[in-house]
Every structure is written in C-alpha cells, then in structure tokens.
Protein backbone atom coordinates (compact mmCIF):
# COMPACT_ATOMS: atom_id res chain seq x y z
CA MET A 1 -9.11 15.88 13.58
CA PHE A 2 -8.71 12.89 11.13
CA ILE A 3 -6.79 12.76 7.93
CA GLY A 4 -7.63 9.95 5.66
CA ALA A 5 -5.47 8.89 2.40
CA LEU A 6 -6.50 6.78 -0.26
CA GLN A 7 -3.98 5.20 -2.76
CA ILE A 8 -5.30 4.04 -5.90
CA GLU A 9 -3.58 2.35 -8.70
CA LEU A 10 -5.09 2.54 -12.45
CA MET A 11 -4.65 0.10 -15.38
CA ILE A 12 -5.27 2.80 -18.60
CA PRO A 13 -5.62 0.20 -21.37
CA ASP A 14 -6.00 2.25 -24.25
CA SER A 15 -3.61 4.63 -23.93
CA SER A 16 -0.58 4.40 -26.12
CA SER A 17 1.48 7.47 -25.31
CA LEU A 18 2.06 9.54 -22.14
CA LYS A 19 0.06 12.13 -23.78
CA GLU A 20 -2.97 10.09 -23.79
CA LYS A 21 -2.36 8.70 -20.19
CA ARG A 22 -1.93 12.32 -18.93
CA MET A 23 -5.44 13.06 -20.57
CA VAL A 24 -7.22 10.48 -18.85
CA VAL A 25 -5.39 10.99 -15.41
CA ARG A 26 -6.19 14.84 -15.80
CA SER A 27 -9.83 14.40 -16.29
CA ILE A 28 -10.52 11.96 -13.46
CA LYS A 29 -8.81 14.49 -10.97
CA GLN A 30 -10.43 17.14 -12.41
CA ARG A 31 -13.55 15.42 -11.59
CA LEU A 32 -12.41 14.58 -8.42
CA GLN A 33 -11.97 17.51 -7.39
CA ASN A 34 -14.88 19.27 -8.53
CA LYS A 35 -17.04 16.59 -7.04
CA TYR A 36 -15.57 15.83 -3.72
CA ASN A 37 -13.46 18.89 -3.33
CA ILE A 38 -10.12 16.57 -2.12
CA SER A 39 -6.68 17.05 -3.00
CA VAL A 40 -5.46 14.77 -5.41
CA ALA A 41 -2.27 14.07 -7.14
CA GLU A 42 -0.30 11.68 -9.15
CA ILE A 43 2.00 10.05 -7.16
CA ASP A 44 3.63 7.40 -8.90
CA HIS A 45 4.66 5.84 -12.39
CA GLN A 46 4.77 9.01 -14.27
CA ASP A 47 6.57 7.41 -17.08
CA LEU A 48 4.54 4.52 -17.81
CA TRP A 49 1.90 4.75 -20.45
CA GLN A 50 -0.99 2.57 -18.90
CA ARG A 51 -0.75 2.91 -15.05
CA ALA A 52 -1.31 5.63 -12.75
CA THR A 53 -1.44 6.23 -8.89
CA LEU A 54 -3.07 8.96 -7.46
CA GLY A 55 -3.18 9.90 -3.78
CA ILE A 56 -6.09 11.64 -2.37
CA ALA A 57 -6.21 13.55 1.14
CA MET A 58 -9.13 14.79 2.64
CA VAL A 59 -9.83 16.36 6.68
CA ALA A 60 -12.90 15.34 8.52
CA ASN A 61 -13.60 15.35 12.55
CA ASP A 62 -15.25 11.98 12.26
CA THR A 63 -13.34 8.87 11.14
CA ARG A 64 -16.80 7.08 9.76
CA PHE A 65 -17.48 9.89 7.55
CA LEU A 66 -14.18 9.75 6.18
CA ASN A 67 -14.47 5.82 5.35
CA GLU A 68 -17.94 6.47 3.69
CA ALA A 69 -16.17 9.38 1.61
CA LEU A 70 -13.24 7.25 0.59
CA ASP A 71 -15.44 4.56 -0.45
CA LYS A 72 -17.52 6.77 -2.24
CA ILE A 73 -14.21 8.48 -4.36
CA LEU A 74 -13.33 5.04 -4.90
CA ASN A 75 -16.35 3.77 -6.45
CA PHE A 76 -16.50 6.68 -8.69
CA VAL A 77 -13.36 6.11 -10.09
CA ASP A 78 -13.78 2.90 -10.57
CA ASP A 79 -16.73 3.72 -12.37
CA GLN A 80 -14.93 5.51 -14.71
CA ASP A 81 -15.02 4.17 -18.66
CA GLN A 82 -11.00 5.21 -19.49
CA SER A 83 -9.44 3.08 -16.55
CA GLN A 84 -9.72 0.14 -13.88
CA VAL A 85 -8.72 0.47 -10.31
CA ILE A 86 -6.24 -2.79 -10.14
CA ASP A 87 -5.51 -1.71 -6.50
CA HIS A 88 -6.21 0.72 -3.54
CA GLN A 89 -5.46 1.41 0.26
CA ILE A 90 -7.28 3.27 2.64
CA GLU A 91 -5.50 4.74 5.65
CA ILE A 92 -7.15 7.16 8.66
CA LEU A 93 -4.41 9.34 10.63
C-alpha cells in the first residue's frame, strides 16, 4: 500500500475577503472530492484573503498510478479560473 500526498499553494487574486476566499476554496474542494474521490483539506493560510494551501491524500497499491493521478489532480486545480497554482509538492510514502 502506498500513500500519495499533494500540497498545492494557491493564489486567489479576485478575492477581497475571507468569505470570498472560502467560497472559492470550498468549490475547488467539492469538485475534487466529487471527481477524484480523495481527501482534501485547507492546511495553511486560513487567515489570508488571497492565498490558500490545500492538502490532498490518496491511497493506492501502485506508485505509478499515484503519480499519474496526482498529476491529473494538479492539472485540474491549475485549470480552475478562480485561482492560480503558485507552488506544489508531491510525496509518495
């Protein structure tokens, strides 16, 4: 069994309040959970209006599958109009 962890740092340039930021983050998290059946949480920058860090975890029995799936997830998040990916880290345990 292998665990894949993906950390994505986002910039949300159009956000002018924490409420707007949380709406964007909630929308991204919901779409990720529905499409990929993964665990997602906001793990950093909770008090900043235009930044968010998401932590994503997934379990599989093949590291190649994990790498491909996490790359797809990263591309999906990068394609969102409301936010921009400014950094990411992938780790396989």
